[in-house]
C-alpha atoms as a PDB file:
ATOM      1  CA  UNK A   1      52.262  41.416  32.259  1.00  0.00           C
ATOM      2  CA  UNK A   2      52.322  42.450  28.903  1.00  0.00           C
ATOM      3  CA  UNK A   3      50.499  39.534  27.660  1.00  0.00           C
ATOM      4  CA  UNK A   4      47.775  39.331  30.251  1.00  0.00           C
ATOM      5  CA  UNK A   5      47.065  43.039  28.952  1.00  0.00           C
ATOM      6  CA  UNK A   6      46.898  42.135  25.684  1.00  0.00           C
ATOM      7  CA  UNK A   7      44.467  38.962  26.704  1.00  0.00           C
ATOM      8  CA  UNK A   8      42.214  41.615  28.427  1.00  0.00           C
ATOM      9  CA  UNK A   9      42.124  43.810  25.261  1.00  0.00           C
ATOM     10  CA  UNK A  10      41.059  40.927  23.208  1.00  0.00           C
ATOM     11  CA  UNK A  11      38.436  39.850  25.788  1.00  0.00           C
ATOM     12  CA  UNK A  12      37.142  43.376  25.634  1.00  0.00           C
ATOM     13  CA  UNK A  13      37.432  43.578  21.816  1.00  0.00           C
ATOM     14  CA  UNK A  14      35.460  40.171  21.300  1.00  0.00           C
ATOM     15  CA  UNK A  15      32.617  41.267  24.381  1.00  0.00           C
ATOM     16  CA  UNK A  16      32.295  44.484  22.317  1.00  0.00           C
ATOM     17  CA  UNK A  17      31.937  42.764  19.034  1.00  0.00           C
ATOM     18  CA  UNK A  18      29.552  40.161  20.311  1.00  0.00           C
ATOM     19  CA  UNK A  19      27.325  43.168  21.673  1.00  0.00           C
ATOM     20  CA  UNK A  20      27.169  45.034  18.416  1.00  0.00           C
ATOM     21  CA  UNK A  21      26.274  41.844  16.787  1.00  0.00           C
ATOM     22  CA  UNK A  22      23.344  41.140  19.153  1.00  0.00           C
ATOM     23  CA  UNK A  23      22.291  44.747  18.771  1.00  0.00           C
ATOM     24  CA  UNK A  24      22.460  44.688  15.016  1.00  0.00           C
ATOM     25  CA  UNK A  25      20.405  41.230  14.936  1.00  0.00           C
ATOM     26  CA  UNK A  26      17.866  43.179  17.331  1.00  0.00           C
ATOM     27  CA  UNK A  27      17.586  46.371  14.995  1.00  0.00           C
ATOM     28  CA  UNK A  28      16.991  43.841  11.937  1.00  0.00           C
ATOM     29  CA  UNK A  29      14.605  41.959  13.719  1.00  0.00           C
ATOM     30  CA  UNK A  30      12.582  45.088  14.471  1.00  0.00           C
ATOM     31  CA  UNK A  31      13.016  46.504  11.211  1.00  0.00           C
ATOM     32  CA  UNK A  32      11.446  43.228   9.403  1.00  0.00           C
ATOM     33  CA  UNK A  33       8.873  42.434  11.993  1.00  0.00           C
ATOM     34  CA  UNK A  34       7.574  45.692  13.584  1.00  0.00           C
ATOM     35  CA  UNK A  35       6.006  47.200  10.358  1.00  0.00           C
ATOM     36  CA  UNK A  36       3.948  44.050   9.677  1.00  0.00           C
ATOM     37  CA  UNK A  37       2.514  44.699  13.122  1.00  0.00           C
ATOM     38  CA  UNK A  38       1.538  48.300  12.231  1.00  0.00           C
ATOM     39  CA  UNK A  39      -0.022  46.948   9.288  1.00  0.00           C
ATOM     40  CA  UNK A  40      -2.200  44.386  10.926  1.00  0.00           C
ATOM     41  CA  UNK A  41      -3.203  47.341  13.468  1.00  0.00           C
ATOM     42  CA  UNK A  42      -4.027  49.607  10.400  1.00  0.00           C
ATOM     43  CA  UNK A  43      -6.081  46.764   8.845  1.00  0.00           C
ATOM     44  CA  UNK A  44      -7.960  45.912  12.149  1.00  0.00           C
ATOM     45  CA  UNK A  45      -9.027  49.422  12.611  1.00  0.00           C
ATOM     46  CA  UNK A  46     -10.361  49.866   9.062  1.00  0.00           C
ATOM     47  CA  UNK A  47     -12.082  46.649   9.592  1.00  0.00           C
ATOM     48  CA  UNK A  48     -13.971  47.891  12.819  1.00  0.00           C
ATOM     49  CA  UNK A  49     -14.752  51.166  11.038  1.00  0.00           C
ATOM     50  CA  UNK A  50     -16.222  49.274   8.265  1.00  0.00           C
ATOM     51  CA  UNK A  51     -18.342  46.593  10.542  1.00  0.00           C
ATOM     52  CA  UNK A  52     -19.463  49.756  12.402  1.00  0.00           C
ATOM     53  CA  UNK A  53     -20.695  51.185   9.087  1.00  0.00           C
ATOM     54  CA  UNK A  54     -22.380  47.885   7.784  1.00  0.00           C
ATOM     55  CA  UNK A  55     -24.188  47.304  11.496  1.00  0.00           C
ATOM     56  CA  UNK A  56     -25.200  50.885  11.864  1.00  0.00           C
ATOM     57  CA  UNK A  57     -26.989  50.666   8.286  1.00  0.00           C
ATOM     58  CA  UNK A  58     -28.645  47.614   9.082  1.00  0.00           C
ATOM     59  CA  UNK A  59     -29.775  48.906  12.440  1.00  0.00           C
ATOM     60  CA  UNK A  60     -31.250  51.734  10.646  1.00  0.00           C
ATOM     61  CA  UNK A  61     -33.242  49.944   8.157  1.00  0.00           C
ATOM     62  CA  UNK A  62     -34.526  47.463  11.058  1.00  0.00           C
ATOM     63  CA  UNK A  63     -35.276  50.470  13.364  1.00  0.00           C
ATOM     64  CA  UNK A  64     -37.258  52.190  10.595  1.00  0.00           C
ATOM     65  CA  UNK A  65     -40.932  51.895  10.264  1.00  0.00           C
ATOM     66  CA  UNK A  66     -41.073  52.230   6.903  1.00  0.00           C
ATOM     67  CA  UNK A  67     -41.063  49.049   4.606  1.00  0.00           C
ATOM     68  CA  UNK A  68     -38.698  48.867   1.484  1.00  0.00           C
ATOM     69  CA  UNK A  69     -35.249  48.065   0.447  1.00  0.00           C
ATOM     70  CA  UNK A  70     -32.104  50.043   0.765  1.00  0.00           C
ATOM     71  CA  UNK A  71     -28.798  49.336  -0.690  1.00  0.00           C
ATOM     72  CA  UNK A  72     -25.576  49.360   1.106  1.00  0.00           C
ATOM     73  CA  UNK A  73     -22.100  49.725  -1.243  1.00  0.00           C
ATOM     74  CA  UNK A  74     -19.277  48.304   0.621  1.00  0.00           C
ATOM     75  CA  UNK A  75     -15.903  50.123   1.013  1.00  0.00           C
ATOM     76  CA  UNK A  76     -13.918  47.050   2.229  1.00  0.00           C
ATOM     77  CA  UNK A  77     -10.539  45.865   0.569  1.00  0.00           C
ATOM     78  CA  UNK A  78     -10.633  42.648  -1.559  1.00  0.00           C
ATOM     79  CA  UNK A  79      -8.593  40.626   0.937  1.00  0.00           C
ATOM     80  CA  UNK A  80     -11.500  41.043   3.688  1.00  0.00           C
ATOM     81  CA  UNK A  81     -14.213  38.556   3.877  1.00  0.00           C
ATOM     82  CA  UNK A  82     -17.330  39.906   5.449  1.00  0.00           C
ATOM     83  CA  UNK A  83     -19.785  37.381   7.211  1.00  0.00           C
ATOM     84  CA  UNK A  84     -23.184  37.677   8.783  1.00  0.00           C
ATOM     85  CA  UNK A  85     -25.434  35.691  11.123  1.00  0.00           C
ATOM     86  CA  UNK A  86     -28.809  37.021  12.714  1.00  0.00           C
ATOM     87  CA  UNK A  87     -26.883  38.669  15.533  1.00  0.00           C
ATOM     88  CA  UNK A  88     -23.437  39.397  14.324  1.00  0.00           C
ATOM     89  CA  UNK A  89     -21.280  41.110  11.568  1.00  0.00           C
ATOM     90  CA  UNK A  90     -17.716  39.732  11.194  1.00  0.00           C
ATOM     91  CA  UNK A  91     -14.730  40.382   8.974  1.00  0.00           C
ATOM     92  CA  UNK A  92     -11.653  38.190   8.565  1.00  0.00           C
ATOM     93  CA  UNK A  93      -8.488  39.233   6.804  1.00  0.00           C
ATOM     94  CA  UNK A  94      -5.846  36.855   5.948  1.00  0.00           C
ATOM     95  CA  UNK A  95      -2.478  37.694   4.065  1.00  0.00           C
ATOM     96  CA  UNK A  96       0.995  36.939   4.154  1.00  0.00           C
ATOM     97  CA  UNK A  97       1.881  39.313   6.987  1.00  0.00           C
ATOM     98  CA  UNK A  98      -0.803  37.586   9.503  1.00  0.00           C
ATOM     99  CA  UNK A  99      -4.540  37.119   9.908  1.00  0.00           C
ATOM    100  CA  UNK A 100      -7.173  39.635  11.869  1.00  0.00           C
ATOM    101  CA  UNK A 101     -10.433  38.647  12.640  1.00  0.00           C
ATOM    102  CA  UNK A 102     -13.053  41.323  13.952  1.00  0.00           C
ATOM    103  CA  UNK A 103     -16.640  40.976  15.120  1.00  0.00           C
ATOM    104  CA  UNK A 104     -19.551  43.367  15.918  1.00  0.00           C
ATOM    105  CA  UNK A 105     -22.886  42.421  17.706  1.00  0.00           C
ATOM    106  CA  UNK A 106     -26.029  43.963  16.183  1.00  0.00           C
ATOM    107  CA  UNK A 107     -28.297  45.871  18.348  1.00  0.00           C
ATOM    108  CA  UNK A 108     -31.488  44.340  16.263  1.00  0.00           C
ATOM    109  CA  UNK A 109     -31.812  40.988  14.824  1.00  0.00           C
ATOM    110  CA  UNK A 110     -31.577  40.726  11.002  1.00  0.00           C
ATOM    111  CA  UNK A 111     -32.206  37.837   8.926  1.00  0.00           C
ATOM    112  CA  UNK A 112     -29.455  37.246   5.883  1.00  0.00           C
ATOM    113  CA  UNK A 113     -30.188  35.142   3.046  1.00  0.00           C
ATOM    114  CA  UNK A 114     -30.254  31.342   3.917  1.00  0.00           C
ATOM    115  CA  UNK A 115     -31.672  27.831   2.791  1.00  0.00           C
ATOM    116  CA  UNK A 116     -35.539  28.960   3.409  1.00  0.00           C
ATOM    117  CA  UNK A 117     -35.208  32.067   1.383  1.00  0.00           C
ATOM    118  CA  UNK A 118     -32.990  34.395  -0.449  1.00  0.00           C
ATOM    119  CA  UNK A 119     -35.136  37.601  -0.856  1.00  0.00           C
ATOM    120  CA  UNK A 120     -38.428  38.968   0.015  1.00  0.00           C
ATOM    121  CA  UNK A 121     -40.675  37.041  -2.553  1.00  0.00           C
ATOM    122  CA  UNK A 122     -38.898  34.069  -1.015  1.00  0.00           C
ATOM    123  CA  UNK A 123     -39.746  34.971   2.630  1.00  0.00           C
ATOM    124  CA  UNK A 124     -43.101  35.519   1.848  1.00  0.00           C
ATOM    125  CA  UNK A 125     -43.557  32.089   0.013  1.00  0.00           C
ATOM    126  CA  UNK A 126     -42.160  30.260   3.114  1.00  0.00           C
ATOM    127  CA  UNK A 127     -44.497  32.287   5.393  1.00  0.00           C
ATOM    128  CA  UNK A 128     -47.515  31.397   3.188  1.00  0.00           C
ATOM    129  CA  UNK A 129     -46.247  27.562   3.376  1.00  0.00           C
ATOM    130  CA  UNK A 130     -46.475  27.703   7.041  1.00  0.00           C
ATOM    131  CA  UNK A 131     -49.626  29.711   7.522  1.00  0.00           C
ATOM    132  CA  UNK A 132     -52.286  28.188   5.311  1.00  0.00           C
ATOM    133  CA  UNK A 133     -51.421  30.225   2.276  1.00  0.00           C
ATOM    134  CA  UNK A 134     -51.523  33.635   4.113  1.00  0.00           C
ATOM    135  CA  UNK A 135     -48.681  36.207   3.756  1.00  0.00           C
ATOM    136  CA  UNK A 136     -49.147  39.049   6.044  1.00  0.00           C
ATOM    137  CA  UNK A 137     -48.793  41.557   3.173  1.00  0.00           C
ATOM    138  CA  UNK A 138     -51.470  43.977   2.770  1.00  0.00           C
ATOM    139  CA  UNK A 139     -55.060  42.224   3.165  1.00  0.00           C
ATOM    140  CA  UNK A 140     -53.885  39.148   3.271  1.00  0.00           C
ATOM    141  CA  UNK A 141     -53.471  39.208   7.352  1.00  0.00           C
ATOM    142  CA  UNK A 142     -51.998  36.712   9.140  1.00  0.00           C
ATOM    143  CA  UNK A 143     -53.869  35.226  12.129  1.00  0.00           C
ATOM    144  CA  UNK A 144     -52.568  35.586  15.569  1.00  0.00           C
ATOM    145  CA  UNK A 145     -52.003  31.616  15.886  1.00  0.00           C
ATOM    146  CA  UNK A 146     -49.799  32.069  12.614  1.00  0.00           C
ATOM    147  CA  UNK A 147     -47.169  34.315  14.349  1.00  0.00           C
ATOM    148  CA  UNK A 148     -46.097  31.230  16.248  1.00  0.00           C
ATOM    149  CA  UNK A 149     -45.318  29.411  13.125  1.00  0.00           C
ATOM    150  CA  UNK A 150     -43.333  32.766  11.684  1.00  0.00           C
ATOM    151  CA  UNK A 151     -41.119  32.911  15.261  1.00  0.00           C
ATOM    152  CA  UNK A 152     -40.506  29.240  14.895  1.00  0.00           C
ATOM    153  CA  UNK A 153     -39.227  29.728  11.291  1.00  0.00           C
ATOM    154  CA  UNK A 154     -37.215  32.755  12.306  1.00  0.00           C
ATOM    155  CA  UNK A 155     -35.452  30.630  15.185  1.00  0.00           C
ATOM    156  CA  UNK A 156     -34.461  28.261  12.547  1.00  0.00           C
ATOM    157  CA  UNK A 157     -33.205  30.584  10.439  1.00  0.00           C
ATOM    158  CA  UNK A 158     -31.006  32.100  13.387  1.00  0.00           C
ATOM    159  CA  UNK A 159     -29.789  28.675  14.278  1.00  0.00           C
ATOM    160  CA  UNK A 160     -28.715  28.096  10.802  1.00  0.00           C
ATOM    161  CA  UNK A 161     -26.894  31.163  10.360  1.00  0.00           C
ATOM    162  CA  UNK A 162     -25.088  30.531  13.632  1.00  0.00           C
ATOM    163  CA  UNK A 163     -23.587  27.378  11.965  1.00  0.00           C
ATOM    164  CA  UNK A 164     -23.210  28.795   8.342  1.00  0.00           C
ATOM    165  CA  UNK A 165     -23.022  32.586   8.235  1.00  0.00           C
ATOM    166  CA  UNK A 166     -23.975  34.473   5.133  1.00  0.00           C
ATOM    167  CA  UNK A 167     -20.840  35.730   3.160  1.00  0.00           C
ATOM    168  CA  UNK A 168     -21.793  38.621   0.696  1.00  0.00           C
ATOM    169  CA  UNK A 169     -19.907  39.741  -2.371  1.00  0.00           C
ATOM    170  CA  UNK A 170     -18.301  43.013  -1.249  1.00  0.00           C
ATOM    171  CA  UNK A 171     -18.034  43.983  -5.128  1.00  0.00           C
ATOM    172  CA  UNK A 172     -22.035  43.987  -5.000  1.00  0.00           C
ATOM    173  CA  UNK A 173     -24.291  46.087  -3.231  1.00  0.00           C
ATOM    174  CA  UNK A 174     -25.824  44.640  -0.074  1.00  0.00           C
ATOM    175  CA  UNK A 175     -29.805  44.826  -0.116  1.00  0.00           C
ATOM    176  CA  UNK A 176     -31.161  45.531   3.395  1.00  0.00           C
ATOM    177  CA  UNK A 177     -35.065  45.316   3.328  1.00  0.00           C
ATOM    178  CA  UNK A 178     -37.748  45.823   5.987  1.00  0.00           C
ATOM    179  CA  UNK A 179     -40.996  43.624   5.655  1.00  0.00           C
ATOM    180  CA  UNK A 180     -43.708  44.552   7.571  1.00  0.00           C
ATOM    181  CA  UNK A 181     -46.273  41.586   8.241  1.00  0.00           C
ATOM    182  CA  UNK A 182     -49.716  42.187   9.624  1.00  0.00           C
ATOM    183  CA  UNK A 183     -51.865  40.059  11.730  1.00  0.00           C
ATOM    184  CA  UNK A 184     -54.980  39.867  13.634  1.00  0.00           C
ATOM    185  CA  UNK A 185     -53.773  40.257  17.131  1.00  0.00           C
ATOM    186  CA  UNK A 186     -56.046  40.244  20.446  1.00  0.00           C
ATOM    187  CA  UNK A 187     -56.015  44.209  20.008  1.00  0.00           C
ATOM    188  CA  UNK A 188     -56.890  44.653  16.438  1.00  0.00           C
ATOM    189  CA  UNK A 189     -54.358  44.454  13.473  1.00  0.00           C
ATOM    190  CA  UNK A 190     -50.878  44.483  14.505  1.00  0.00           C
ATOM    191  CA  UNK A 191     -47.290  44.779  13.010  1.00  0.00           C
ATOM    192  CA  UNK A 192     -44.503  42.580  13.032  1.00  0.00           C
ATOM    193  CA  UNK A 193     -41.229  43.855  11.205  1.00  0.00           C
ATOM    194  CA  UNK A 194     -38.573  41.597   9.839  1.00  0.00           C
ATOM    195  CA  UNK A 195     -35.294  42.813   8.376  1.00  0.00           C
ATOM    196  CA  UNK A 196     -33.647  40.583   5.705  1.00  0.00           C
ATOM    197  CA  UNK A 197     -30.294  40.840   4.137  1.00  0.00           C
ATOM    198  CA  UNK A 198     -29.261  39.523   0.490  1.00  0.00           C
ATOM    199  CA  UNK A 199     -28.012  40.191  -2.711  1.00  0.00           C
END
């Protein structure tokens, strides 16, 4: 009888010891795995705020009736990469603890730098090359028929940016510029705004 009681005590001891080892392992895993998850959540929250700020700025310029350039200064950590298409702005974060990607749809269409133009003068040169030398600025009115060429050009740029987004240098300010083209429409002189983004 005494030997069996000792065996039961050893069994209880080993089971308790195994339980403590499993509990300790779970605590160690939690200590080393959970904080990075909170870090990634914090980074994702910051990225969402940055994307909202950038998108709101671009939408504000696009919605303005005034022509001209405005400058956006990034407040984005260096590990975050920003990319832009005509309809989205996205942020990617990749570091030792994991990676996060966020995106925000734009309420309006913008045209970041692309293979056809980099800035305002490039845009106007491209329009003039497609519209018989007319740029649509000031007294150099476009014809109503030119607008199909302009829209085709903008569609081409949208497709290109969907394949290869514009990636700005977040250490430099971003230029967001509203360019207003004037053309002879059926009801007189009409306007077409184009919002471009470049550095």
